[in-house]
Amino acid sequence: LNKTVYVLFLLFQILGAVILGFGIWILADKTSFIAVLQMSSPSLKTGAYILIGVGALTMLMGFLGCLGAVNEIRCLLGLYFTCLMIILLTQIAAALVIYFQKETLKVELSNIVVDLIEKYDPSNEDKRNLRDAWDYVQIQIACCGWTGAKEWENNEILRNKSNTEYPCSCSNRSKDLVEGGGFCNLDDPVNGTATYADWPVHEQGCMDGVEEWLKDNLGVILGVCTGVAVIELLGMILSISLCKNIHSEDYTKVPKS
């Protein structure tokens, strides 16, 4: 039994470390689509702090559960079971919210990116990290805008220049990608004006690329979530079994009259 306790303890330390690390990664990542969301949406940043808290709590619970099992302390095992149940129910609730609110989340996501594009300004140093993250997304996915390059026509700077410039990170020409970000000049604009159709940029919007990435990685995400839930259930079952075992032993130790 002790070996089982130690194995579960180790699993919970690894599980807690993974959740904790994921939360820290969301906060620290500055070069991916996660960074765009984290810097644009306060809710994602709050979610990252929650993950860090859950990860730390999971590691603590693993330690307390092991301590309670080895020393046969029922209150620690009860606390361990209660915390695991709360964490598991919270995860299930979060999954249900994401599933049933996916269309609302998709609209919110679209609004975040469209607003970012409209306010994109290479001279604004305060927003540099956000710009760099979005440029990185457009270069890596080989896309332009959220649904297409036309959204960039709503950018105030490009509009004031009659669209004779275009976002370098959208370009399908390698020489523009050397710039990495900002705006590039159109070679020969007709009458000093242009539209997005004249730009040498990718036709695909980033929404399709992001959705494709999610579909490709959905199996991994679901597998990890299922694995986490199974480990938590095992921990709950083991803690209840140990509690009952301790309770039974208490009765056997009572002297017979």
Protein backbone atom coordinates (compact mmCIF):
# COMPACT_ATOMS: atom_id res chain seq x y z
CA LEU A 1 0.00 0.00 0.00
CA ASN A 2 2.86 2.37 0.83
CA LYS A 3 4.24 1.93 -2.68
CA THR A 4 0.85 2.93 -4.14
CA VAL A 5 0.78 6.02 -1.91
CA TYR A 6 4.26 7.07 -3.02
CA VAL A 7 3.44 6.53 -6.71
CA LEU A 8 0.29 8.67 -6.41
CA PHE A 9 2.26 11.28 -4.49
CA LEU A 10 4.82 11.43 -7.32
CA LEU A 11 2.04 11.63 -9.94
CA PHE A 12 0.43 14.55 -8.10
CA GLN A 13 3.75 16.39 -7.88
CA ILE A 14 4.22 15.95 -11.65
CA LEU A 15 0.58 16.89 -12.32
CA GLY A 16 0.81 20.00 -10.16
CA ALA A 17 4.10 20.99 -11.77
CA VAL A 18 2.57 20.64 -15.27
CA ILE A 19 -0.47 22.80 -14.38
CA LEU A 20 1.78 25.33 -12.63
CA GLY A 21 4.17 25.41 -15.59
CA PHE A 22 1.30 25.89 -18.05
CA GLY A 23 0.05 28.90 -16.10
CA ILE A 24 3.54 30.43 -15.98
CA TRP A 25 4.00 29.78 -19.71
CA ILE A 26 0.79 31.68 -20.52
CA LEU A 27 2.07 34.69 -18.56
CA ALA A 28 5.65 34.50 -19.88
CA ASP A 29 5.00 33.66 -23.56
CA LYS A 30 5.58 36.70 -25.76
CA THR A 31 5.82 35.11 -29.22
CA SER A 32 2.62 33.20 -29.95
CA PHE A 33 -1.15 33.58 -30.29
CA ILE A 34 -1.45 32.89 -26.56
CA ALA A 35 0.60 36.07 -26.00
CA VAL A 36 -1.86 38.09 -28.11
CA LEU A 37 -4.77 36.83 -26.01
CA GLN A 38 -2.91 37.23 -22.73
CA MET A 39 -2.03 40.87 -23.45
CA SER A 40 -5.45 41.72 -24.92
CA SER A 41 -7.82 39.86 -22.62
CA PRO A 42 -7.69 40.26 -18.80
CA SER A 43 -9.73 37.05 -18.44
CA LEU A 44 -6.91 34.91 -19.89
CA LYS A 45 -4.39 36.49 -17.52
CA THR A 46 -6.76 35.77 -14.62
CA GLY A 47 -7.08 32.19 -15.90
CA ALA A 48 -3.28 31.87 -15.91
CA TYR A 49 -3.10 32.94 -12.25
CA ILE A 50 -5.84 30.42 -11.44
CA LEU A 51 -3.83 27.66 -13.15
CA ILE A 52 -0.75 28.62 -11.13
CA GLY A 53 -2.83 28.48 -7.94
CA VAL A 54 -4.39 25.12 -8.88
CA GLY A 55 -0.95 23.70 -9.75
CA ALA A 56 0.53 24.81 -6.44
CA LEU A 57 -2.53 23.49 -4.55
CA THR A 58 -2.32 20.14 -6.37
CA MET A 59 1.33 19.74 -5.36
CA LEU A 60 0.49 20.68 -1.75
CA MET A 61 -2.43 18.24 -1.70
CA GLY A 62 -0.17 15.48 -2.98
CA PHE A 63 2.19 16.13 -0.08
CA LEU A 64 -0.63 16.30 2.50
CA GLY A 65 -2.27 13.17 1.09
CA CYS A 66 0.99 11.25 1.34
CA LEU A 67 1.58 12.56 4.87
CA GLY A 68 -1.97 11.61 5.91
CA ALA A 69 -1.68 8.11 4.44
CA VAL A 70 1.74 7.30 5.93
CA ASN A 71 0.86 8.63 9.39
CA GLU A 72 -2.79 7.50 9.20
CA ILE A 73 -4.17 10.99 9.84
CA ARG A 74 -7.83 10.92 8.78
CA CYS A 75 -8.37 14.69 8.77
CA LEU A 76 -5.52 15.17 6.25
CA LEU A 77 -6.95 12.44 4.04
CA GLY A 78 -10.38 14.09 4.29
CA LEU A 79 -8.91 17.48 3.35
CA TYR A 80 -7.05 15.83 0.47
CA PHE A 81 -10.28 14.22 -0.82
CA THR A 82 -12.29 17.47 -0.49
CA CYS A 83 -9.71 19.59 -2.34
CA LEU A 84 -9.40 17.01 -5.12
CA MET A 85 -13.18 16.93 -5.53
CA ILE A 86 -13.34 20.77 -5.73
CA ILE A 87 -10.53 20.87 -8.31
CA LEU A 88 -12.16 18.13 -10.41
CA LEU A 89 -15.61 19.79 -10.30
CA THR A 90 -14.02 23.14 -11.23
CA GLN A 91 -12.31 21.55 -14.24
CA ILE A 92 -15.57 19.94 -15.38
CA ALA A 93 -17.43 23.27 -14.96
CA ALA A 94 -14.73 25.13 -16.95
CA ALA A 95 -14.90 22.53 -19.75
CA LEU A 96 -18.70 22.84 -19.92
CA VAL A 97 -18.54 26.64 -20.00
CA ILE A 98 -15.99 26.56 -22.84
CA TYR A 99 -18.07 24.01 -24.77
CA PHE A 100 -21.42 25.77 -24.45
CA GLN A 101 -19.99 29.28 -24.83
CA LYS A 102 -17.64 28.49 -27.72
CA GLU A 103 -19.51 30.72 -30.20
CA THR A 104 -19.47 33.63 -27.73
CA LEU A 105 -15.76 33.05 -27.11
CA LYS A 106 -15.14 32.94 -30.85
CA VAL A 107 -16.84 36.35 -31.29
CA GLU A 108 -14.86 37.79 -28.36
CA LEU A 109 -11.66 36.44 -29.86
CA SER A 110 -12.50 37.99 -33.22
CA ASN A 111 -13.19 41.37 -31.57
CA ILE A 112 -9.82 41.27 -29.77
CA VAL A 113 -7.86 40.64 -32.97
CA VAL A 114 -9.84 43.12 -35.12
CA ASP A 115 -9.30 45.82 -32.49
CA LEU A 116 -5.58 44.99 -32.40
CA ILE A 117 -5.34 45.35 -36.20
CA GLU A 118 -7.21 48.67 -36.27
CA LYS A 119 -4.94 50.15 -33.56
CA TYR A 120 -1.67 48.60 -34.80
CA ASP A 121 0.96 51.36 -34.69
CA PRO A 122 4.69 50.57 -35.25
CA SER A 123 5.69 53.80 -33.46
CA ASN A 124 3.83 52.94 -30.23
CA GLU A 125 6.48 51.39 -27.96
CA ASP A 126 3.94 50.69 -25.19
CA LYS A 127 2.25 48.09 -27.42
CA ARG A 128 5.45 46.63 -28.86
CA ASN A 129 5.09 43.20 -27.22
CA LEU A 130 1.53 42.85 -28.48
CA ARG A 131 2.56 43.90 -32.02
CA ASP A 132 5.51 41.50 -32.03
CA ALA A 133 3.27 38.63 -30.88
CA TRP A 134 0.71 39.27 -33.63
CA ASP A 135 3.42 39.68 -36.29
CA TYR A 136 4.86 36.35 -35.15
CA VAL A 137 1.44 34.68 -35.53
CA GLN A 138 0.95 36.05 -39.07
CA ILE A 139 4.45 34.96 -40.13
CA GLN A 140 4.23 31.47 -38.59
CA ILE A 141 0.73 30.66 -39.86
CA ALA A 142 1.33 32.51 -43.18
CA CYS A 143 -1.91 34.44 -42.81
CA CYS A 144 -3.17 38.03 -42.85
CA GLY A 145 -5.80 39.58 -40.58
CA TRP A 146 -8.33 37.48 -38.69
CA THR A 147 -10.69 36.62 -41.57
CA GLY A 148 -8.56 38.16 -44.33
CA ALA A 149 -6.27 41.01 -45.38
CA LYS A 150 -9.23 43.36 -45.96
CA GLU A 151 -9.40 44.02 -42.19
CA TRP A 152 -6.06 45.81 -42.43
CA GLU A 153 -7.73 48.51 -44.56
CA ASN A 154 -9.40 49.68 -41.34
CA ASN A 155 -6.03 50.46 -39.78
CA GLU A 156 -5.85 54.22 -39.26
CA ILE A 157 -2.23 54.60 -40.40
CA LEU A 158 -2.72 52.58 -43.61
CA ARG A 159 -5.97 54.42 -44.34
CA ASN A 160 -4.23 57.80 -44.03
CA LYS A 161 -1.60 56.61 -46.51
CA SER A 162 -4.29 55.45 -48.99
CA ASN A 163 -3.24 51.82 -48.40
CA THR A 164 0.05 52.35 -50.27
CA GLU A 165 1.69 50.48 -47.39
CA TYR A 166 0.85 47.01 -46.02
CA PRO A 167 1.81 44.91 -42.95
CA CYS A 168 5.22 43.31 -43.54
CA SER A 169 4.34 40.22 -41.47
CA CYS A 170 1.48 39.47 -43.92
CA SER A 171 3.75 39.50 -46.94
CA ASN A 172 4.33 36.47 -49.14
CA ARG A 173 7.73 37.89 -50.16
CA SER A 174 10.79 36.81 -48.18
CA LYS A 175 12.46 40.24 -48.39
CA ASP A 176 9.53 41.81 -46.47
CA LEU A 177 9.68 39.16 -43.76
CA VAL A 178 13.23 40.29 -42.92
CA GLU A 179 11.60 43.37 -41.40
CA GLY A 180 9.56 41.08 -39.13
CA GLY A 181 6.92 43.72 -38.45
CA GLY A 182 5.72 47.22 -39.16
CA PHE A 183 4.59 48.40 -42.60
CA CYS A 184 6.22 47.91 -46.02
CA ASN A 185 5.83 50.20 -49.04
CA LEU A 186 3.88 49.03 -52.08
CA ASP A 187 6.11 49.14 -55.16
CA ASP A 188 3.90 50.83 -57.77
CA PRO A 189 0.56 52.12 -56.43
CA VAL A 190 -1.80 53.33 -59.17
CA ASN A 191 -2.52 57.07 -58.75
CA GLY A 192 -0.99 56.92 -55.28
CA THR A 193 -3.80 54.72 -53.91
CA ALA A 194 -4.33 50.99 -53.46
CA THR A 195 -6.54 48.35 -51.83
CA TYR A 196 -5.72 45.13 -50.00
CA ALA A 197 -6.11 43.30 -53.33
CA ASP A 198 -2.97 45.09 -54.56
CA TRP A 199 -0.84 43.98 -51.63
CA PRO A 200 1.60 41.04 -51.97
CA VAL A 201 0.13 39.30 -48.91
CA HIS A 202 -1.33 35.93 -47.93
CA GLU A 203 -5.02 35.47 -48.72
CA GLN A 204 -5.79 33.18 -45.78
CA GLY A 205 -7.05 34.78 -42.56
CA CYS A 206 -5.42 33.71 -39.30
CA MET A 207 -8.74 32.41 -37.91
CA ASP A 208 -8.58 29.38 -40.21
CA GLY A 209 -4.98 28.71 -39.22
CA VAL A 210 -5.71 28.96 -35.49
CA GLU A 211 -8.76 26.68 -35.82
CA GLU A 212 -6.70 24.17 -37.80
CA TRP A 213 -4.02 24.22 -35.08
CA LEU A 214 -6.68 23.59 -32.42
CA LYS A 215 -8.14 20.67 -34.43
CA ASP A 216 -4.67 19.15 -34.91
CA ASN A 217 -3.91 19.40 -31.20
CA LEU A 218 -7.40 18.63 -29.86
CA GLY A 219 -6.56 14.97 -29.33
CA VAL A 220 -3.49 15.86 -27.24
CA ILE A 221 -5.46 18.45 -25.21
CA LEU A 222 -8.30 16.01 -24.53
CA GLY A 223 -5.83 13.24 -23.68
CA VAL A 224 -4.04 15.42 -21.13
CA CYS A 225 -7.34 16.57 -19.58
CA THR A 226 -8.58 12.97 -19.36
CA GLY A 227 -5.31 11.84 -17.79
CA VAL A 228 -5.51 14.61 -15.20
CA ALA A 229 -9.11 13.67 -14.33
CA VAL A 230 -8.23 9.95 -14.01
CA ILE A 231 -5.31 10.70 -11.66
CA GLU A 232 -7.57 12.91 -9.53
CA LEU A 233 -10.24 10.20 -9.36
CA LEU A 234 -7.64 7.62 -8.34
CA GLY A 235 -6.45 9.96 -5.61
CA MET A 236 -10.02 10.42 -4.34
CA ILE A 237 -10.72 6.66 -4.36
CA LEU A 238 -7.45 5.90 -2.58
CA SER A 239 -8.04 8.55 0.10
CA ILE A 240 -11.55 7.20 0.84
CA SER A 241 -10.21 3.62 1.00
CA LEU A 242 -7.45 4.66 3.41
CA CYS A 243 -9.93 6.59 5.57
CA LYS A 244 -12.15 3.50 5.87
CA ASN A 245 -9.13 1.31 6.55
CA ILE A 246 -7.93 3.62 9.35
CA HIS A 247 -11.48 3.72 10.76
CA SER A 248 -11.65 -0.10 10.79
CA GLU A 249 -8.25 -0.37 12.46
CA ASP A 250 -9.37 2.08 15.16
CA TYR A 251 -12.20 -0.29 16.07
CA THR A 252 -9.95 -3.34 16.14
CA LYS A 253 -7.65 -1.56 18.58
CA VAL A 254 -10.47 -1.06 21.09
CA PRO A 255 -9.89 -3.50 24.02
CA LYS A 256 -12.58 -6.14 24.48
CA SER A 257 -14.40 -6.18 27.80
